[in-house]
Amino acid sequence: MDLFRIIIAILLPPLGVFLQVGFGGAFWLNILLTLCGYIPGIVHAVWVIARR
């Protein structure tokens, strides 16, 4: 299941974080990072998924 979430996180970082943590602070932070740059959003999403 984590592999599926990581693939989703690479394609749509906020969706990958949402599937892992829901509407928490990490989700909103990931949206902000993705708006600032796609790569920071991916890095944060993969980090959130790997951490939990």
PDB file of N, CA and C in Angstrom:
ATOM      1  N   MET A   1       0.826  -1.198   0.000  1.00  0.00           N
ATOM      2  CA  MET A   1       0.000   0.000   0.000  1.00  0.00           C
ATOM      3  C   MET A   1       0.864   1.254   0.000  1.00  0.00           C
ATOM      4  N   ASP A   2       2.019   1.233   0.674  1.00  0.00           N
ATOM      5  CA  ASP A   2       2.880   2.405   0.674  1.00  0.00           C
ATOM      6  C   ASP A   2       3.438   2.701  -0.709  1.00  0.00           C
ATOM      7  N   LEU A   3       3.700   1.674  -1.500  1.00  0.00           N
ATOM      8  CA  LEU A   3       4.193   1.893  -2.852  1.00  0.00           C
ATOM      9  C   LEU A   3       3.151   2.643  -3.677  1.00  0.00           C
ATOM     10  N   PHE A   4       1.887   2.285  -3.535  1.00  0.00           N
ATOM     11  CA  PHE A   4       0.802   2.986  -4.229  1.00  0.00           C
ATOM     12  C   PHE A   4       0.757   4.446  -3.796  1.00  0.00           C
ATOM     13  N   ARG A   5       0.880   4.710  -2.502  1.00  0.00           N
ATOM     14  CA  ARG A   5       0.856   6.088  -1.998  1.00  0.00           C
ATOM     15  C   ARG A   5       2.057   6.885  -2.482  1.00  0.00           C
ATOM     16  N   ILE A   6       3.206   6.262  -2.591  1.00  0.00           N
ATOM     17  CA  ILE A   6       4.391   6.970  -3.082  1.00  0.00           C
ATOM     18  C   ILE A   6       4.222   7.315  -4.558  1.00  0.00           C
ATOM     19  N   ILE A   7       3.650   6.418  -5.340  1.00  0.00           N
ATOM     20  CA  ILE A   7       3.401   6.719  -6.753  1.00  0.00           C
ATOM     21  C   ILE A   7       2.408   7.872  -6.878  1.00  0.00           C
ATOM     22  N   ILE A   8       1.359   7.853  -6.069  1.00  0.00           N
ATOM     23  CA  ILE A   8       0.388   8.954  -6.067  1.00  0.00           C
ATOM     24  C   ILE A   8       1.071  10.243  -5.624  1.00  0.00           C
ATOM     25  N   ALA A   9       1.980  10.161  -4.643  1.00  0.00           N
ATOM     26  CA  ALA A   9       2.681  11.349  -4.147  1.00  0.00           C
ATOM     27  C   ALA A   9       3.574  11.957  -5.218  1.00  0.00           C
ATOM     28  N   ILE A  10       4.113  11.146  -6.095  1.00  0.00           N
ATOM     29  CA  ILE A  10       4.942  11.681  -7.175  1.00  0.00           C
ATOM     30  C   ILE A  10       4.066  12.373  -8.222  1.00  0.00           C
ATOM     31  N   LEU A  11       2.907  11.821  -8.496  1.00  0.00           N
ATOM     32  CA  LEU A  11       2.018  12.415  -9.491  1.00  0.00           C
ATOM     33  C   LEU A  11       1.260  13.622  -8.937  1.00  0.00           C
ATOM     34  N   LEU A  12       0.674  13.473  -7.755  1.00  0.00           N
ATOM     35  CA  LEU A  12      -0.097  14.537  -7.098  1.00  0.00           C
ATOM     36  C   LEU A  12       0.265  14.555  -5.604  1.00  0.00           C
ATOM     37  N   PRO A  13       1.271  15.317  -5.230  1.00  0.00           N
ATOM     38  CA  PRO A  13       1.754  15.282  -3.845  1.00  0.00           C
ATOM     39  C   PRO A  13       0.683  15.517  -2.773  1.00  0.00           C
ATOM     40  N   PRO A  14      -0.213  16.513  -2.908  1.00  0.00           N
ATOM     41  CA  PRO A  14      -1.212  16.688  -1.846  1.00  0.00           C
ATOM     42  C   PRO A  14      -2.148  15.487  -1.678  1.00  0.00           C
ATOM     43  N   LEU A  15      -2.463  14.813  -2.770  1.00  0.00           N
ATOM     44  CA  LEU A  15      -3.329  13.634  -2.672  1.00  0.00           C
ATOM     45  C   LEU A  15      -2.635  12.507  -1.907  1.00  0.00           C
ATOM     46  N   GLY A  16      -1.349  12.320  -2.157  1.00  0.00           N
ATOM     47  CA  GLY A  16      -0.606  11.296  -1.424  1.00  0.00           C
ATOM     48  C   GLY A  16      -0.568  11.572   0.066  1.00  0.00           C
ATOM     49  N   VAL A  17      -0.386  12.839   0.437  1.00  0.00           N
ATOM     50  CA  VAL A  17      -0.383  13.203   1.862  1.00  0.00           C
ATOM     51  C   VAL A  17      -1.774  13.056   2.444  1.00  0.00           C
ATOM     52  N   PHE A  18      -2.796  13.447   1.689  1.00  0.00           N
ATOM     53  CA  PHE A  18      -4.169  13.309   2.173  1.00  0.00           C
ATOM     54  C   PHE A  18      -4.518  11.853   2.458  1.00  0.00           C
ATOM     55  N   LEU A  19      -4.104  10.949   1.582  1.00  0.00           N
ATOM     56  CA  LEU A  19      -4.387   9.527   1.800  1.00  0.00           C
ATOM     57  C   LEU A  19      -3.686   9.006   3.050  1.00  0.00           C
ATOM     58  N   GLN A  20      -2.570   9.627   3.423  1.00  0.00           N
ATOM     59  CA  GLN A  20      -1.823   9.171   4.593  1.00  0.00           C
ATOM     60  C   GLN A  20      -2.336   9.796   5.893  1.00  0.00           C
ATOM     61  N   VAL A  21      -2.565  11.125   5.904  1.00  0.00           N
ATOM     62  CA  VAL A  21      -2.863  11.808   7.166  1.00  0.00           C
ATOM     63  C   VAL A  21      -4.207  12.517   7.197  1.00  0.00           C
ATOM     64  N   GLY A  22      -4.888  12.653   6.074  1.00  0.00           N
ATOM     65  CA  GLY A  22      -6.160  13.374   6.066  1.00  0.00           C
ATOM     66  C   GLY A  22      -5.933  14.880   6.009  1.00  0.00           C
ATOM     67  N   PHE A  23      -6.917  15.641   6.488  1.00  0.00           N
ATOM     68  CA  PHE A  23      -6.837  17.102   6.435  1.00  0.00           C
ATOM     69  C   PHE A  23      -6.081  17.657   7.638  1.00  0.00           C
ATOM     70  N   GLY A  24      -4.874  17.218   7.852  1.00  0.00           N
ATOM     71  CA  GLY A  24      -4.064  17.718   8.957  1.00  0.00           C
ATOM     72  C   GLY A  24      -3.153  18.842   8.502  1.00  0.00           C
ATOM     73  N   GLY A  25      -2.294  19.263   9.395  1.00  0.00           N
ATOM     74  CA  GLY A  25      -1.347  20.323   9.085  1.00  0.00           C
ATOM     75  C   GLY A  25      -0.386  19.933   7.979  1.00  0.00           C
ATOM     76  N   ALA A  26      -0.010  18.661   7.915  1.00  0.00           N
ATOM     77  CA  ALA A  26       0.911  18.197   6.877  1.00  0.00           C
ATOM     78  C   ALA A  26       0.283  18.344   5.489  1.00  0.00           C
ATOM     79  N   PHE A  27      -1.013  18.148   5.390  1.00  0.00           N
ATOM     80  CA  PHE A  27      -1.706  18.297   4.110  1.00  0.00           C
ATOM     81  C   PHE A  27      -1.635  19.734   3.618  1.00  0.00           C
ATOM     82  N   TRP A  28      -1.956  20.682   4.497  1.00  0.00           N
ATOM     83  CA  TRP A  28      -1.941  22.087   4.104  1.00  0.00           C
ATOM     84  C   TRP A  28      -0.523  22.569   3.817  1.00  0.00           C
ATOM     85  N   LEU A  29       0.445  22.081   4.579  1.00  0.00           N
ATOM     86  CA  LEU A  29       1.840  22.420   4.311  1.00  0.00           C
ATOM     87  C   LEU A  29       2.255  21.891   2.945  1.00  0.00           C
ATOM     88  N   ASN A  30       1.807  20.700   2.607  1.00  0.00           N
ATOM     89  CA  ASN A  30       2.158  20.126   1.318  1.00  0.00           C
ATOM     90  C   ASN A  30       1.532  20.915   0.173  1.00  0.00           C
ATOM     91  N   ILE A  31       0.323  21.388   0.341  1.00  0.00           N
ATOM     92  CA  ILE A  31      -0.286  22.225  -0.701  1.00  0.00           C
ATOM     93  C   ILE A  31       0.537  23.492  -0.893  1.00  0.00           C
ATOM     94  N   LEU A  32       0.957  24.106   0.197  1.00  0.00           N
ATOM     95  CA  LEU A  32       1.785  25.312   0.106  1.00  0.00           C
ATOM     96  C   LEU A  32       3.113  25.020  -0.585  1.00  0.00           C
ATOM     97  N   LEU A  33       3.760  23.931  -0.212  1.00  0.00           N
ATOM     98  CA  LEU A  33       5.029  23.572  -0.836  1.00  0.00           C
ATOM     99  C   LEU A  33       4.860  23.238  -2.319  1.00  0.00           C
ATOM    100  N   THR A  34       3.776  22.589  -2.662  1.00  0.00           N
ATOM    101  CA  THR A  34       3.524  22.249  -4.059  1.00  0.00           C
ATOM    102  C   THR A  34       3.258  23.511  -4.883  1.00  0.00           C
ATOM    103  N   LEU A  35       2.588  24.487  -4.296  1.00  0.00           N
ATOM    104  CA  LEU A  35       2.361  25.742  -5.008  1.00  0.00           C
ATOM    105  C   LEU A  35       3.658  26.525  -5.191  1.00  0.00           C
ATOM    106  N   CYS A  36       4.560  26.421  -4.223  1.00  0.00           N
ATOM    107  CA  CYS A  36       5.854  27.110  -4.329  1.00  0.00           C
ATOM    108  C   CYS A  36       6.769  26.420  -5.334  1.00  0.00           C
ATOM    109  N   GLY A  37       6.641  25.139  -5.452  1.00  0.00           N
ATOM    110  CA  GLY A  37       7.464  24.378  -6.390  1.00  0.00           C
ATOM    111  C   GLY A  37       7.060  22.920  -6.327  1.00  0.00           C
ATOM    112  N   TYR A  38       7.002  22.287  -7.446  1.00  0.00           N
ATOM    113  CA  TYR A  38       6.515  20.902  -7.511  1.00  0.00           C
ATOM    114  C   TYR A  38       7.446  19.937  -6.773  1.00  0.00           C
ATOM    115  N   ILE A  39       8.751  20.130  -6.915  1.00  0.00           N
ATOM    116  CA  ILE A  39       9.729  19.225  -6.299  1.00  0.00           C
ATOM    117  C   ILE A  39       9.660  19.264  -4.763  1.00  0.00           C
ATOM    118  N   PRO A  40       9.587  20.452  -4.118  1.00  0.00           N
ATOM    119  CA  PRO A  40       9.443  20.440  -2.652  1.00  0.00           C
ATOM    120  C   PRO A  40       8.184  19.714  -2.177  1.00  0.00           C
ATOM    121  N   GLY A  41       7.110  19.818  -2.945  1.00  0.00           N
ATOM    122  CA  GLY A  41       5.878  19.102  -2.603  1.00  0.00           C
ATOM    123  C   GLY A  41       6.062  17.599  -2.673  1.00  0.00           C
ATOM    124  N   ILE A  42       6.789  17.133  -3.679  1.00  0.00           N
ATOM    125  CA  ILE A  42       7.050  15.697  -3.814  1.00  0.00           C
ATOM    126  C   ILE A  42       7.929  15.207  -2.670  1.00  0.00           C
ATOM    127  N   VAL A  43       8.978  15.948  -2.375  1.00  0.00           N
ATOM    128  CA  VAL A  43       9.892  15.542  -1.302  1.00  0.00           C
ATOM    129  C   VAL A  43       9.147  15.467   0.027  1.00  0.00           C
ATOM    130  N   HIS A  44       8.339  16.461   0.318  1.00  0.00           N
ATOM    131  CA  HIS A  44       7.582  16.458   1.574  1.00  0.00           C
ATOM    132  C   HIS A  44       6.584  15.306   1.614  1.00  0.00           C
ATOM    133  N   ALA A  45       5.897  15.053   0.508  1.00  0.00           N
ATOM    134  CA  ALA A  45       4.905  13.971   0.472  1.00  0.00           C
ATOM    135  C   ALA A  45       5.557  12.611   0.698  1.00  0.00           C
ATOM    136  N   VAL A  46       6.670  12.365   0.021  1.00  0.00           N
ATOM    137  CA  VAL A  46       7.354  11.078   0.198  1.00  0.00           C
ATOM    138  C   VAL A  46       7.879  10.959   1.622  1.00  0.00           C
ATOM    139  N   TRP A  47       8.358  12.053   2.188  1.00  0.00           N
ATOM    140  CA  TRP A  47       8.846  12.030   3.579  1.00  0.00           C
ATOM    141  C   TRP A  47       7.705  11.713   4.551  1.00  0.00           C
ATOM    142  N   VAL A  48       6.546  12.325   4.359  1.00  0.00           N
ATOM    143  CA  VAL A  48       5.398  12.065   5.246  1.00  0.00           C
ATOM    144  C   VAL A  48       4.964  10.603   5.137  1.00  0.00           C
ATOM    145  N   ILE A  49       4.912  10.077   3.927  1.00  0.00           N
ATOM    146  CA  ILE A  49       4.482   8.689   3.730  1.00  0.00           C
ATOM    147  C   ILE A  49       5.499   7.714   4.308  1.00  0.00           C
ATOM    148  N   ALA A  50       6.780   7.972   4.108  1.00  0.00           N
ATOM    149  CA  ALA A  50       7.820   7.065   4.614  1.00  0.00           C
ATOM    150  C   ALA A  50       7.928   7.122   6.131  1.00  0.00           C
ATOM    151  N   ARG A  51       7.631   8.276   6.715  1.00  0.00           N
ATOM    152  CA  ARG A  51       7.756   8.443   8.165  1.00  0.00           C
ATOM    153  C   ARG A  51       6.681   7.668   8.911  1.00  0.00           C
ATOM    154  N   ARG A  52       5.501   7.566   8.357  1.00  0.00           N
ATOM    155  CA  ARG A  52       4.398   6.905   9.085  1.00  0.00           C
ATOM    156  C   ARG A  52       4.236   5.507   8.680  1.00  0.00           C
TER     157      ARG A  52
END
